[in-house]
């Protein structure tokens, strides 16, 4: 009889211990819960990033690189001209004591200056450190690397402007597109290769014209930006 009572007591004790979670078990459960939550958050974040990339995949908006003193090279590396650029001297811009930054002044080349680029700015930029930054890209899709020189940001909305220099294969020189600096926040539509212009929620389209696509004109129509 005593033996039976002892066995029952042991079984009840084991059941009680098995049903109660220890602090270690609770900690492990909490840790597992946090891990699961993080995994879900990462999954949602990945989906959001993919959605953002998918929405923007057909358009490339040019922005200056302020973290590096070298030109921002967005070329595919296939153009032989890219071997001669990028290069610039240490002077991105010139300043006047009263007027502030008044022009950019830089050299493009490789081991030695190939061409001096110097133009007066349209006004006083919001951030002078952006002035003179170069983006290397085939802007008019003629198979040759071109150079975009940042003019800085202007106006209430601090719209970003650039000068565009197209590579002339015949004369081996960069030629400036005079009215490219009229395009605020320029980008390129990857589907059509047209230049886009973002002004608030509106988007303007600029088309390349001429035999060698050396001139650019704005379409009358504007479309609402997605």
N, C-alpha and C. Protein backbone atom coordinates (compact mmCIF):
# COMPACT_ATOMS: atom_id res chain seq x y z
N UNK A 1 0.83 -1.21 0.00
CA UNK A 1 0.00 0.00 0.00
C UNK A 1 0.87 1.26 0.00
N UNK A 2 1.83 1.25 0.90
CA UNK A 2 2.74 2.41 0.98
C UNK A 2 3.50 2.58 -0.34
N UNK A 3 3.84 1.43 -0.93
CA UNK A 3 4.57 1.48 -2.20
C UNK A 3 3.72 2.12 -3.29
N UNK A 4 2.41 1.82 -3.31
CA UNK A 4 1.50 2.39 -4.31
C UNK A 4 1.36 3.89 -4.11
N UNK A 5 1.22 4.28 -2.84
CA UNK A 5 1.10 5.71 -2.54
C UNK A 5 2.36 6.45 -2.97
N UNK A 6 3.50 5.85 -2.76
CA UNK A 6 4.77 6.47 -3.11
C UNK A 6 4.88 6.66 -4.62
N UNK A 7 4.45 5.65 -5.38
CA UNK A 7 4.50 5.73 -6.85
C UNK A 7 3.59 6.83 -7.36
N UNK A 8 2.36 6.90 -6.78
CA UNK A 8 1.40 7.93 -7.19
C UNK A 8 1.95 9.32 -6.89
N UNK A 9 2.60 9.47 -5.75
CA UNK A 9 3.17 10.76 -5.35
C UNK A 9 4.26 11.19 -6.33
N UNK A 10 5.10 10.26 -6.72
CA UNK A 10 6.19 10.56 -7.65
C UNK A 10 5.63 10.98 -9.00
N UNK A 11 4.58 10.26 -9.46
CA UNK A 11 3.96 10.60 -10.74
C UNK A 11 3.35 11.99 -10.71
N UNK A 12 2.67 12.34 -9.61
CA UNK A 12 2.07 13.66 -9.47
C UNK A 12 3.14 14.75 -9.47
N UNK A 13 4.26 14.47 -8.83
CA UNK A 13 5.35 15.44 -8.77
C UNK A 13 5.95 15.68 -10.16
N UNK A 14 6.13 14.58 -10.91
CA UNK A 14 6.67 14.70 -12.25
C UNK A 14 5.73 15.48 -13.17
N UNK A 15 4.41 15.24 -13.02
CA UNK A 15 3.43 15.96 -13.82
C UNK A 15 3.44 17.44 -13.50
N UNK A 16 3.60 17.75 -12.22
CA UNK A 16 3.63 19.15 -11.81
C UNK A 16 4.86 19.85 -12.37
N UNK A 17 6.00 19.19 -12.34
CA UNK A 17 7.22 19.79 -12.87
C UNK A 17 7.15 19.94 -14.39
N UNK A 18 6.56 18.98 -15.05
CA UNK A 18 6.46 19.06 -16.50
C UNK A 18 5.49 20.12 -16.95
N UNK A 19 4.47 20.42 -16.21
CA UNK A 19 3.48 21.41 -16.61
C UNK A 19 3.90 22.81 -16.32
N UNK A 20 4.85 23.02 -15.42
CA UNK A 20 5.31 24.37 -15.06
C UNK A 20 6.56 24.73 -15.82
N UNK A 21 6.56 25.88 -16.46
CA UNK A 21 7.73 26.34 -17.21
C UNK A 21 8.75 26.93 -16.27
N UNK A 22 9.98 26.57 -16.50
CA UNK A 22 11.07 27.18 -15.74
C UNK A 22 11.40 28.53 -16.34
N UNK A 23 12.21 29.34 -15.64
CA UNK A 23 12.61 30.65 -16.15
C UNK A 23 13.43 30.50 -17.42
N UNK A 24 14.19 29.42 -17.53
CA UNK A 24 14.98 29.18 -18.74
C UNK A 24 14.06 28.91 -19.93
N UNK A 25 12.99 28.10 -19.65
CA UNK A 25 12.05 27.80 -20.72
C UNK A 25 11.35 29.06 -21.20
N UNK A 26 10.94 29.93 -20.23
CA UNK A 26 10.26 31.16 -20.59
C UNK A 26 11.16 32.08 -21.40
N UNK A 27 12.44 32.14 -20.99
CA UNK A 27 13.39 32.98 -21.71
C UNK A 27 13.57 32.48 -23.14
N UNK A 28 13.64 31.15 -23.28
CA UNK A 28 13.79 30.59 -24.61
C UNK A 28 12.57 30.88 -25.47
N UNK A 29 11.38 30.79 -24.85
CA UNK A 29 10.15 31.08 -25.58
C UNK A 29 10.11 32.53 -26.01
N UNK A 30 10.51 33.43 -25.10
CA UNK A 30 10.53 34.85 -25.43
C UNK A 30 11.51 35.12 -26.57
N UNK A 31 12.67 34.49 -26.49
CA UNK A 31 13.67 34.69 -27.53
C UNK A 31 13.15 34.22 -28.88
N UNK A 32 12.46 33.07 -28.87
CA UNK A 32 11.90 32.55 -30.11
C UNK A 32 10.86 33.51 -30.67
N UNK A 33 10.06 34.09 -29.77
CA UNK A 33 9.04 35.03 -30.21
C UNK A 33 9.64 36.26 -30.85
N UNK A 34 10.70 36.80 -30.27
CA UNK A 34 11.37 37.97 -30.82
C UNK A 34 11.96 37.64 -32.18
N UNK A 35 12.55 36.48 -32.29
CA UNK A 35 13.17 36.07 -33.55
C UNK A 35 12.12 35.98 -34.65
N UNK A 36 10.98 35.40 -34.30
CA UNK A 36 9.91 35.26 -35.29
C UNK A 36 9.42 36.63 -35.74
N UNK A 37 9.27 37.57 -34.79
CA UNK A 37 8.80 38.91 -35.11
C UNK A 37 9.79 39.62 -36.03
N UNK A 38 11.07 39.48 -35.71
CA UNK A 38 12.10 40.10 -36.53
C UNK A 38 12.07 39.55 -37.95
N UNK A 39 11.87 38.23 -38.05
CA UNK A 39 11.82 37.61 -39.36
C UNK A 39 10.66 38.17 -40.18
N UNK A 40 9.52 38.35 -39.53
CA UNK A 40 8.37 38.91 -40.22
C UNK A 40 8.65 40.34 -40.66
N UNK A 41 9.26 41.12 -39.75
CA UNK A 41 9.59 42.52 -40.06
C UNK A 41 10.55 42.59 -41.24
N UNK A 42 11.57 41.72 -41.23
CA UNK A 42 12.53 41.70 -42.34
C UNK A 42 11.84 41.36 -43.65
N UNK A 43 10.90 40.43 -43.57
CA UNK A 43 10.18 40.03 -44.77
C UNK A 43 9.36 41.17 -45.33
N UNK A 44 8.68 41.90 -44.44
CA UNK A 44 7.88 43.04 -44.87
C UNK A 44 8.77 44.12 -45.46
N UNK A 45 9.92 44.36 -44.80
CA UNK A 45 10.85 45.38 -45.27
C UNK A 45 11.38 45.03 -46.66
N UNK A 46 11.68 43.74 -46.86
CA UNK A 46 12.18 43.30 -48.16
C UNK A 46 11.14 43.52 -49.24
N UNK A 47 9.89 43.19 -48.93
CA UNK A 47 8.82 43.38 -49.89
C UNK A 47 8.66 44.85 -50.23
N UNK A 48 8.75 45.71 -49.20
CA UNK A 48 8.63 47.15 -49.43
C UNK A 48 9.75 47.66 -50.30
N UNK A 49 10.98 47.20 -50.02
CA UNK A 49 12.12 47.62 -50.82
C UNK A 49 11.99 47.16 -52.26
N UNK A 50 11.53 45.93 -52.45
CA UNK A 50 11.35 45.43 -53.80
C UNK A 50 10.29 46.22 -54.55
N UNK A 51 9.23 46.61 -53.84
CA UNK A 51 8.17 47.39 -54.47
C UNK A 51 8.70 48.75 -54.89
N UNK A 52 9.50 49.35 -54.01
CA UNK A 52 10.08 50.66 -54.33
C UNK A 52 11.00 50.56 -55.53
N UNK A 53 11.86 49.54 -55.54
CA UNK A 53 12.78 49.36 -56.65
C UNK A 53 12.02 49.12 -57.95
N UNK A 54 10.92 48.35 -57.85
CA UNK A 54 10.15 48.04 -59.04
C UNK A 54 9.49 49.29 -59.61
N UNK A 55 9.02 50.17 -58.70
CA UNK A 55 8.37 51.39 -59.16
C UNK A 55 9.37 52.33 -59.83
N UNK A 56 10.62 52.30 -59.38
CA UNK A 56 11.61 53.26 -59.87
C UNK A 56 12.55 52.66 -60.91
N UNK A 57 12.32 51.41 -61.28
CA UNK A 57 13.27 50.72 -62.14
C UNK A 57 13.32 51.31 -63.55
N UNK A 58 12.24 51.96 -63.98
CA UNK A 58 12.18 52.50 -65.33
C UNK A 58 12.66 53.94 -65.41
N UNK A 59 13.13 54.49 -64.29
CA UNK A 59 13.57 55.87 -64.30
C UNK A 59 14.78 56.05 -63.40
N UNK A 60 15.76 56.77 -63.91
CA UNK A 60 16.97 57.05 -63.14
C UNK A 60 17.07 58.55 -62.93
N UNK A 61 17.02 58.99 -61.69
CA UNK A 61 17.12 60.41 -61.37
C UNK A 61 18.56 60.70 -60.94
N UNK A 62 19.17 61.69 -61.56
CA UNK A 62 20.57 62.01 -61.31
C UNK A 62 20.72 62.81 -60.01
N UNK A 63 21.64 62.39 -59.16
CA UNK A 63 21.96 63.12 -57.94
C UNK A 63 23.48 63.12 -57.77
N UNK A 64 24.05 64.20 -57.27
CA UNK A 64 25.51 64.25 -57.09
C UNK A 64 25.97 63.37 -55.95
N UNK A 65 27.17 62.87 -56.06
CA UNK A 65 27.77 62.04 -55.01
C UNK A 65 28.66 62.92 -54.14
N UNK A 66 28.22 63.18 -52.92
CA UNK A 66 28.98 64.05 -52.01
C UNK A 66 29.90 63.25 -51.08
N UNK A 67 29.86 61.93 -51.17
CA UNK A 67 30.67 61.10 -50.30
C UNK A 67 32.01 60.73 -50.93
N UNK A 68 32.16 61.05 -52.21
CA UNK A 68 33.36 60.66 -52.92
C UNK A 68 33.84 61.81 -53.78
N UNK A 69 35.13 62.00 -53.88
CA UNK A 69 35.69 63.09 -54.69
C UNK A 69 35.86 62.69 -56.15
N UNK A 70 35.42 61.50 -56.50
CA UNK A 70 35.48 61.07 -57.89
C UNK A 70 34.11 61.23 -58.54
N UNK A 71 34.07 61.36 -59.85
CA UNK A 71 32.78 61.45 -60.54
C UNK A 71 31.93 60.21 -60.29
N UNK A 72 30.63 60.40 -60.29
CA UNK A 72 29.71 59.28 -60.13
C UNK A 72 29.56 58.60 -61.49
N UNK A 73 30.11 57.40 -61.62
CA UNK A 73 30.15 56.70 -62.90
C UNK A 73 28.97 55.74 -62.99
N UNK A 74 27.98 56.10 -63.82
CA UNK A 74 26.80 55.27 -64.02
C UNK A 74 26.84 54.58 -65.38
N UNK A 75 28.01 54.57 -66.01
CA UNK A 75 28.15 53.94 -67.32
C UNK A 75 28.23 52.43 -67.16
N UNK A 76 28.09 51.73 -68.28
CA UNK A 76 28.19 50.27 -68.26
C UNK A 76 29.61 49.78 -68.48
N UNK A 77 30.55 50.73 -68.68
CA UNK A 77 31.95 50.37 -68.82
C UNK A 77 32.35 49.89 -70.20
N UNK A 78 31.42 49.92 -71.15
CA UNK A 78 31.71 49.41 -72.50
C UNK A 78 32.32 50.48 -73.41
N UNK A 79 32.15 51.74 -73.06
CA UNK A 79 32.62 52.82 -73.91
C UNK A 79 34.13 53.02 -73.72
N UNK A 80 34.88 53.00 -74.83
CA UNK A 80 36.33 53.17 -74.77
C UNK A 80 36.72 54.56 -74.29
N UNK A 81 35.83 55.55 -74.52
CA UNK A 81 36.13 56.92 -74.10
C UNK A 81 36.26 57.00 -72.58
N UNK A 82 35.60 56.10 -71.89
CA UNK A 82 35.64 56.12 -70.43
C UNK A 82 37.05 55.93 -69.90
N UNK A 83 37.97 55.39 -70.72
CA UNK A 83 39.36 55.23 -70.29
C UNK A 83 40.05 56.57 -70.11
N UNK A 84 39.57 57.59 -70.79
CA UNK A 84 40.20 58.91 -70.71
C UNK A 84 39.56 59.79 -69.64
N UNK A 85 38.47 59.36 -69.10
CA UNK A 85 37.80 60.06 -68.02
C UNK A 85 37.38 59.00 -67.01
N UNK A 86 37.17 59.29 -65.75
CA UNK A 86 37.03 60.65 -65.24
C UNK A 86 38.32 61.19 -64.63
N UNK A 87 38.40 62.48 -64.62
CA UNK A 87 39.47 63.19 -63.92
C UNK A 87 38.99 64.61 -63.71
N UNK A 88 39.25 65.16 -62.55
CA UNK A 88 39.05 66.60 -62.41
C UNK A 88 40.09 67.14 -61.44
N UNK A 89 40.31 68.41 -61.51
CA UNK A 89 41.27 69.00 -60.58
C UNK A 89 40.58 69.24 -59.26
N UNK A 90 41.29 69.79 -58.30
CA UNK A 90 40.75 69.95 -56.96
C UNK A 90 39.78 71.11 -56.84
N UNK A 91 39.71 71.97 -57.83
CA UNK A 91 38.82 73.13 -57.77
C UNK A 91 37.50 72.80 -58.43
N UNK A 92 36.46 72.59 -57.62
CA UNK A 92 35.14 72.31 -58.15
C UNK A 92 34.46 73.61 -58.62
N UNK A 93 34.70 74.67 -57.88
CA UNK A 93 33.99 75.92 -58.14
C UNK A 93 34.87 77.11 -57.77
N UNK A 94 34.46 78.29 -58.24
CA UNK A 94 35.15 79.53 -57.90
C UNK A 94 34.18 80.42 -57.12
N UNK A 95 34.73 81.18 -56.20
CA UNK A 95 33.89 82.03 -55.35
C UNK A 95 34.31 83.49 -55.46
N UNK A 96 33.34 84.35 -55.17
CA UNK A 96 33.58 85.79 -55.08
C UNK A 96 33.26 86.20 -53.65
N UNK A 97 34.01 87.12 -53.09
CA UNK A 97 33.82 87.52 -51.70
C UNK A 97 32.40 88.03 -51.42
N UNK A 98 31.81 88.71 -52.38
CA UNK A 98 30.48 89.28 -52.17
C UNK A 98 29.37 88.37 -52.71
N UNK A 99 29.57 87.78 -53.87
CA UNK A 99 28.52 87.01 -54.52
C UNK A 99 28.54 85.53 -54.17
N UNK A 100 29.59 85.06 -53.52
CA UNK A 100 29.68 83.64 -53.20
C UNK A 100 30.11 82.83 -54.40
N UNK A 101 29.58 81.62 -54.54
CA UNK A 101 29.94 80.75 -55.65
C UNK A 101 29.37 81.33 -56.94
N UNK A 102 30.21 81.56 -57.93
CA UNK A 102 29.74 82.18 -59.16
C UNK A 102 29.94 81.30 -60.39
N UNK A 103 30.84 80.31 -60.33
CA UNK A 103 31.05 79.44 -61.49
C UNK A 103 31.72 78.15 -61.06
N UNK A 104 31.54 77.12 -61.87
CA UNK A 104 32.33 75.91 -61.67
C UNK A 104 33.49 75.93 -62.64
N UNK A 105 34.56 75.31 -62.23
CA UNK A 105 35.79 75.30 -63.02
C UNK A 105 36.50 73.98 -62.76
N UNK A 106 36.48 73.09 -63.74
CA UNK A 106 37.07 71.78 -63.53
C UNK A 106 37.64 71.24 -64.83
N UNK A 107 38.45 70.22 -64.69
CA UNK A 107 39.08 69.59 -65.85
C UNK A 107 38.62 68.14 -65.95
N UNK A 108 38.29 67.72 -67.16
CA UNK A 108 38.02 66.31 -67.42
C UNK A 108 39.19 65.73 -68.19
N UNK A 109 39.57 64.52 -67.86
CA UNK A 109 40.68 63.87 -68.52
C UNK A 109 41.04 62.62 -67.77
N UNK A 110 42.28 62.17 -67.88
CA UNK A 110 42.70 61.01 -67.12
C UNK A 110 44.01 61.30 -66.40
N UNK A 111 45.14 60.99 -67.03
CA UNK A 111 46.42 61.29 -66.39
C UNK A 111 46.81 62.75 -66.58
N UNK A 112 46.11 63.44 -67.46
CA UNK A 112 46.32 64.87 -67.65
C UNK A 112 45.01 65.47 -68.14
N UNK A 113 44.81 66.77 -67.95
CA UNK A 113 43.54 67.40 -68.34
C UNK A 113 43.25 67.22 -69.83
N UNK A 114 42.06 66.78 -70.13
CA UNK A 114 41.63 66.62 -71.51
C UNK A 114 40.87 67.86 -71.99
N UNK A 115 40.04 68.40 -71.08
CA UNK A 115 39.23 69.56 -71.44
C UNK A 115 38.84 70.33 -70.19
N UNK A 116 38.92 71.64 -70.27
CA UNK A 116 38.55 72.50 -69.15
C UNK A 116 37.08 72.91 -69.31
N UNK A 117 36.30 72.70 -68.26
CA UNK A 117 34.88 73.07 -68.25
C UNK A 117 34.68 74.19 -67.25
N UNK A 118 34.19 75.31 -67.74
CA UNK A 118 34.00 76.47 -66.87
C UNK A 118 32.76 77.23 -67.32
N UNK A 119 31.78 77.36 -66.41
CA UNK A 119 30.54 78.05 -66.74
C UNK A 119 30.04 78.82 -65.52
N UNK A 120 29.43 79.97 -65.78
CA UNK A 120 28.84 80.78 -64.72
C UNK A 120 27.57 80.12 -64.23
N UNK A 121 27.33 80.14 -62.93
CA UNK A 121 26.13 79.54 -62.35
C UNK A 121 24.92 80.44 -62.54
N UNK A 122 23.71 79.87 -62.54
CA UNK A 122 22.49 80.67 -62.72
C UNK A 122 22.13 81.51 -61.50
N UNK A 123 22.77 81.29 -60.38
CA UNK A 123 22.47 82.04 -59.17
C UNK A 123 23.29 81.48 -58.01
N UNK A 124 22.88 81.79 -56.79
CA UNK A 124 23.57 81.29 -55.61
C UNK A 124 22.97 79.94 -55.20
N UNK A 125 23.76 78.88 -55.24
CA UNK A 125 23.24 77.55 -54.92
C UNK A 125 23.00 77.37 -53.42
N UNK A 126 22.07 76.49 -53.10
CA UNK A 126 21.77 76.21 -51.69
C UNK A 126 22.94 75.51 -51.01
N UNK A 127 23.62 74.65 -51.72
CA UNK A 127 24.76 73.91 -51.16
C UNK A 127 25.91 73.96 -52.16
N UNK A 128 26.92 74.75 -51.85
CA UNK A 128 28.04 74.93 -52.80
C UNK A 128 28.84 73.65 -52.99
N UNK A 129 28.75 72.70 -52.04
CA UNK A 129 29.50 71.46 -52.17
C UNK A 129 28.98 70.56 -53.28
N UNK A 130 27.76 70.84 -53.76
CA UNK A 130 27.22 70.06 -54.87
C UNK A 130 27.72 70.58 -56.22
N UNK A 131 28.14 71.83 -56.24
CA UNK A 131 28.55 72.47 -57.49
C UNK A 131 29.82 71.82 -58.05
N UNK A 132 29.78 71.47 -59.33
CA UNK A 132 30.95 70.88 -59.98
C UNK A 132 31.04 69.38 -59.88
N UNK A 133 30.14 68.75 -59.13
CA UNK A 133 30.14 67.29 -59.07
C UNK A 133 29.73 66.73 -60.42
N UNK A 134 30.41 65.68 -60.83
CA UNK A 134 30.21 65.14 -62.18
C UNK A 134 29.56 63.77 -62.14
N UNK A 135 28.58 63.57 -63.01
CA UNK A 135 27.96 62.26 -63.22
C UNK A 135 28.29 61.81 -64.64
N UNK A 136 28.89 60.65 -64.78
CA UNK A 136 29.25 60.10 -66.08
C UNK A 136 28.16 59.13 -66.53
N UNK A 137 27.56 59.42 -67.68
CA UNK A 137 26.44 58.61 -68.15
C UNK A 137 26.20 58.90 -69.62
N UNK A 138 25.75 57.91 -70.36
CA UNK A 138 25.40 58.11 -71.76
C UNK A 138 24.02 58.77 -71.81
N UNK A 139 24.00 60.09 -71.74
CA UNK A 139 22.75 60.83 -71.56
C UNK A 139 21.84 60.75 -72.79
N UNK A 140 22.42 60.86 -73.99
CA UNK A 140 21.60 60.87 -75.20
C UNK A 140 21.56 59.52 -75.91
N UNK A 141 22.09 58.50 -75.26
CA UNK A 141 22.03 57.12 -75.77
C UNK A 141 22.60 56.99 -77.19
N UNK A 142 23.81 57.54 -77.37
CA UNK A 142 24.48 57.40 -78.67
C UNK A 142 25.65 56.42 -78.59
N UNK A 143 25.79 55.77 -77.44
CA UNK A 143 26.86 54.80 -77.26
C UNK A 143 28.14 55.34 -76.67
N UNK A 144 28.16 56.64 -76.31
CA UNK A 144 29.36 57.25 -75.75
C UNK A 144 29.05 57.90 -74.40
N UNK A 145 30.03 57.85 -73.52
CA UNK A 145 29.86 58.42 -72.19
C UNK A 145 29.84 59.94 -72.26
N UNK A 146 28.87 60.54 -71.59
CA UNK A 146 28.74 61.99 -71.50
C UNK A 146 28.98 62.42 -70.05
N UNK A 147 29.04 63.72 -69.84
CA UNK A 147 29.30 64.25 -68.50
C UNK A 147 28.21 65.24 -68.09
N UNK A 148 27.65 65.03 -66.91
CA UNK A 148 26.71 65.96 -66.32
C UNK A 148 27.41 66.68 -65.17
N UNK A 149 27.43 68.00 -65.22
CA UNK A 149 28.08 68.81 -64.18
C UNK A 149 27.01 69.47 -63.33
N UNK A 150 27.04 69.20 -62.05
CA UNK A 150 26.00 69.71 -61.15
C UNK A 150 26.15 71.22 -60.94
N UNK A 151 25.04 71.92 -61.07
CA UNK A 151 24.99 73.37 -60.83
C UNK A 151 24.54 73.70 -59.42
N UNK A 152 23.99 72.71 -58.72
CA UNK A 152 23.48 72.93 -57.38
C UNK A 152 21.96 73.03 -57.36
N UNK A 153 21.41 73.39 -56.20
CA UNK A 153 19.96 73.49 -56.00
C UNK A 153 19.54 74.95 -55.88
N UNK A 154 18.36 75.23 -56.44
CA UNK A 154 17.87 76.61 -56.47
C UNK A 154 16.36 76.64 -56.22
N UNK A 155 15.89 77.84 -55.80
CA UNK A 155 14.46 78.05 -55.63
C UNK A 155 13.94 77.57 -54.29
N UNK A 156 12.65 77.81 -54.07
CA UNK A 156 12.00 77.44 -52.81
C UNK A 156 12.06 75.93 -52.58
N UNK A 157 11.86 75.17 -53.64
CA UNK A 157 11.86 73.72 -53.53
C UNK A 157 13.25 73.10 -53.65
N UNK A 158 14.25 73.95 -53.83
CA UNK A 158 15.63 73.49 -53.97
C UNK A 158 15.76 72.44 -55.07
N UNK A 159 15.25 72.80 -56.25
CA UNK A 159 15.35 71.91 -57.40
C UNK A 159 16.79 71.81 -57.87
N UNK A 160 17.18 70.63 -58.33
CA UNK A 160 18.56 70.36 -58.72
C UNK A 160 18.73 70.53 -60.23
N UNK A 161 19.84 71.18 -60.63
CA UNK A 161 20.08 71.45 -62.04
C UNK A 161 21.48 70.99 -62.45
N UNK A 162 21.61 70.68 -63.75
CA UNK A 162 22.88 70.22 -64.30
C UNK A 162 23.16 70.88 -65.63
N UNK A 163 24.44 70.95 -65.98
CA UNK A 163 24.87 71.19 -67.35
C UNK A 163 25.21 69.83 -67.95
N UNK A 164 24.85 69.65 -69.22
CA UNK A 164 25.15 68.39 -69.90
C UNK A 164 26.21 68.61 -70.97
N UNK A 165 27.21 67.77 -70.99
CA UNK A 165 28.27 67.80 -71.99
C UNK A 165 28.27 66.47 -72.74
N UNK A 166 27.96 66.52 -74.03
CA UNK A 166 27.91 65.32 -74.86
C UNK A 166 29.24 65.09 -75.55
N UNK A 167 29.65 63.83 -75.59
CA UNK A 167 30.92 63.49 -76.22
C UNK A 167 30.78 63.50 -77.74
N UNK A 168 31.66 64.27 -78.38
CA UNK A 168 31.69 64.37 -79.84
C UNK A 168 32.82 63.47 -80.34
N UNK A 169 32.44 62.34 -80.94
CA UNK A 169 33.44 61.37 -81.37
C UNK A 169 34.31 61.91 -82.49
N UNK A 170 33.76 62.77 -83.34
CA UNK A 170 34.51 63.29 -84.47
C UNK A 170 35.62 64.24 -84.04
N UNK A 171 35.28 65.14 -83.13
CA UNK A 171 36.24 66.17 -82.70
C UNK A 171 36.92 65.82 -81.37
N UNK A 172 36.52 64.71 -80.78
CA UNK A 172 37.13 64.24 -79.55
C UNK A 172 37.07 65.31 -78.45
N UNK A 173 35.88 65.80 -78.21
CA UNK A 173 35.67 66.88 -77.25
C UNK A 173 34.25 66.79 -76.69
N UNK A 174 34.05 67.37 -75.52
CA UNK A 174 32.71 67.45 -74.93
C UNK A 174 32.04 68.75 -75.37
N UNK A 175 30.81 68.67 -75.85
CA UNK A 175 30.05 69.85 -76.26
C UNK A 175 28.88 70.06 -75.31
N UNK A 176 28.73 71.29 -74.84
CA UNK A 176 27.68 71.59 -73.86
C UNK A 176 26.32 71.76 -74.55
N UNK A 177 25.29 71.17 -73.94
CA UNK A 177 23.91 71.35 -74.40
C UNK A 177 23.37 72.59 -73.68
N UNK A 178 23.17 73.66 -74.43
CA UNK A 178 22.91 74.97 -73.82
C UNK A 178 21.67 75.01 -72.92
N UNK A 179 20.57 74.38 -73.34
CA UNK A 179 19.34 74.52 -72.56
C UNK A 179 19.10 73.36 -71.59
N UNK A 180 20.09 72.48 -71.41
CA UNK A 180 19.90 71.38 -70.48
C UNK A 180 19.76 71.89 -69.05
N UNK A 181 20.40 73.01 -68.74
CA UNK A 181 20.33 73.57 -67.39
C UNK A 181 18.96 74.15 -67.07
N UNK A 182 18.04 74.13 -68.02
CA UNK A 182 16.67 74.56 -67.76
C UNK A 182 15.80 73.43 -67.20
N UNK A 183 16.35 72.24 -67.11
CA UNK A 183 15.59 71.07 -66.68
C UNK A 183 15.78 70.85 -65.17
N UNK A 184 14.74 71.07 -64.36
CA UNK A 184 14.88 70.84 -62.93
C UNK A 184 14.81 69.34 -62.60
N UNK A 185 15.66 68.91 -61.69
CA UNK A 185 15.67 67.52 -61.23
C UNK A 185 15.67 66.53 -62.39
N UNK A 186 16.67 66.60 -63.26
CA UNK A 186 16.67 65.75 -64.45
C UNK A 186 16.88 64.28 -64.14
N UNK A 187 16.24 63.46 -64.96
CA UNK A 187 16.41 62.02 -64.88
C UNK A 187 16.28 61.46 -66.27
N UNK A 188 16.34 60.15 -66.40
CA UNK A 188 16.22 59.53 -67.72
C UNK A 188 15.24 58.37 -67.64
N UNK A 189 14.33 58.32 -68.60
CA UNK A 189 13.38 57.23 -68.71
C UNK A 189 14.08 56.07 -69.40
N UNK A 190 14.25 54.96 -68.70
CA UNK A 190 15.02 53.85 -69.24
C UNK A 190 14.32 53.17 -70.42
N UNK A 191 13.02 53.30 -70.50
CA UNK A 191 12.29 52.68 -71.61
C UNK A 191 12.45 53.46 -72.90
N UNK A 192 12.34 54.78 -72.81
CA UNK A 192 12.35 55.62 -74.00
C UNK A 192 13.64 56.40 -74.19
N UNK A 193 14.47 56.48 -73.14
CA UNK A 193 15.70 57.27 -73.13
C UNK A 193 15.43 58.78 -73.17
N UNK A 194 14.18 59.17 -72.97
CA UNK A 194 13.86 60.60 -72.87
C UNK A 194 14.30 61.14 -71.52
N UNK A 195 14.59 62.43 -71.47
CA UNK A 195 14.93 63.07 -70.21
C UNK A 195 13.64 63.49 -69.50
N UNK A 196 13.56 63.20 -68.23
CA UNK A 196 12.39 63.56 -67.44
C UNK A 196 12.72 64.72 -66.52
N UNK A 197 11.70 65.48 -66.17
CA UNK A 197 11.87 66.63 -65.29
C UNK A 197 10.77 66.61 -64.25
N UNK A 198 11.15 66.54 -62.98
CA UNK A 198 10.18 66.48 -61.90
C UNK A 198 10.02 67.84 -61.23
N UNK A 199 8.80 68.34 -61.23
CA UNK A 199 8.47 69.59 -60.54
C UNK A 199 7.26 69.32 -59.66
N UNK A 200 7.50 69.07 -58.40
CA UNK A 200 6.40 68.69 -57.52
C UNK A 200 5.85 67.34 -57.95
N UNK A 201 4.54 67.29 -58.19
CA UNK A 201 3.90 66.05 -58.62
C UNK A 201 3.84 65.93 -60.14
N UNK A 202 4.30 66.96 -60.85
CA UNK A 202 4.28 66.95 -62.31
C UNK A 202 5.60 66.45 -62.89
N UNK A 203 5.50 65.87 -64.07
CA UNK A 203 6.69 65.38 -64.74
C UNK A 203 6.68 65.86 -66.18
N UNK A 204 7.73 66.55 -66.59
CA UNK A 204 7.87 66.99 -67.97
C UNK A 204 8.77 66.03 -68.73
N UNK A 205 8.55 65.96 -70.03
CA UNK A 205 9.35 65.09 -70.88
C UNK A 205 10.16 65.93 -71.86
N UNK A 206 11.45 65.66 -71.95
CA UNK A 206 12.34 66.35 -72.88
C UNK A 206 12.87 65.33 -73.87
N UNK A 207 12.83 65.69 -75.16
CA UNK A 207 13.23 64.77 -76.23
C UNK A 207 14.54 65.21 -76.88
N UNK A 208 15.38 64.24 -77.24
CA UNK A 208 16.61 64.53 -77.96
C UNK A 208 16.30 64.71 -79.44
N UNK A 209 16.85 65.75 -80.03
CA UNK A 209 16.60 66.07 -81.44
C UNK A 209 17.92 66.17 -82.20
N UNK A 210 17.82 66.26 -83.53
CA UNK A 210 19.01 66.42 -84.35
C UNK A 210 19.57 65.10 -84.83
N UNK A 211 20.46 65.17 -85.80
CA UNK A 211 21.04 63.99 -86.40
C UNK A 211 21.79 63.15 -85.39
N UNK A 212 22.56 63.78 -84.53
CA UNK A 212 23.35 63.06 -83.54
C UNK A 212 22.81 63.20 -82.12
N UNK A 213 21.54 63.59 -82.02
CA UNK A 213 20.88 63.78 -80.72
C UNK A 213 21.68 64.74 -79.83
N UNK A 214 21.97 65.89 -80.37
CA UNK A 214 22.77 66.87 -79.63
C UNK A 214 21.95 68.04 -79.11
N UNK A 215 20.66 68.09 -79.48
CA UNK A 215 19.79 69.15 -78.99
C UNK A 215 18.62 68.53 -78.24
N UNK A 216 18.10 69.27 -77.29
CA UNK A 216 17.00 68.74 -76.50
C UNK A 216 15.87 69.76 -76.45
N UNK A 217 14.64 69.25 -76.58
CA UNK A 217 13.46 70.11 -76.59
C UNK A 217 12.41 69.54 -75.65
N UNK A 218 11.63 70.44 -75.05
CA UNK A 218 10.60 70.02 -74.10
C UNK A 218 9.28 69.77 -74.82
N UNK A 219 8.64 68.67 -74.47
CA UNK A 219 7.30 68.41 -74.97
C UNK A 219 6.32 69.33 -74.25
N UNK A 220 5.26 69.69 -74.93
CA UNK A 220 4.24 70.58 -74.32
C UNK A 220 3.51 69.86 -73.20
N UNK A 221 3.25 68.56 -73.42
CA UNK A 221 2.47 67.81 -72.44
C UNK A 221 3.28 67.56 -71.17
N UNK A 222 2.58 67.55 -70.06
CA UNK A 222 3.17 67.15 -68.79
C UNK A 222 2.27 66.07 -68.21
N UNK A 223 2.86 65.17 -67.49
CA UNK A 223 2.09 64.08 -66.89
C UNK A 223 2.32 64.07 -65.40
N UNK A 224 1.31 63.59 -64.67
CA UNK A 224 1.43 63.53 -63.21
C UNK A 224 2.35 62.39 -62.83
N UNK A 225 3.26 62.68 -61.93
CA UNK A 225 4.23 61.67 -61.52
C UNK A 225 3.57 60.65 -60.63
N UNK A 226 3.90 59.37 -60.84
CA UNK A 226 3.31 58.30 -60.02
C UNK A 226 3.90 58.34 -58.62
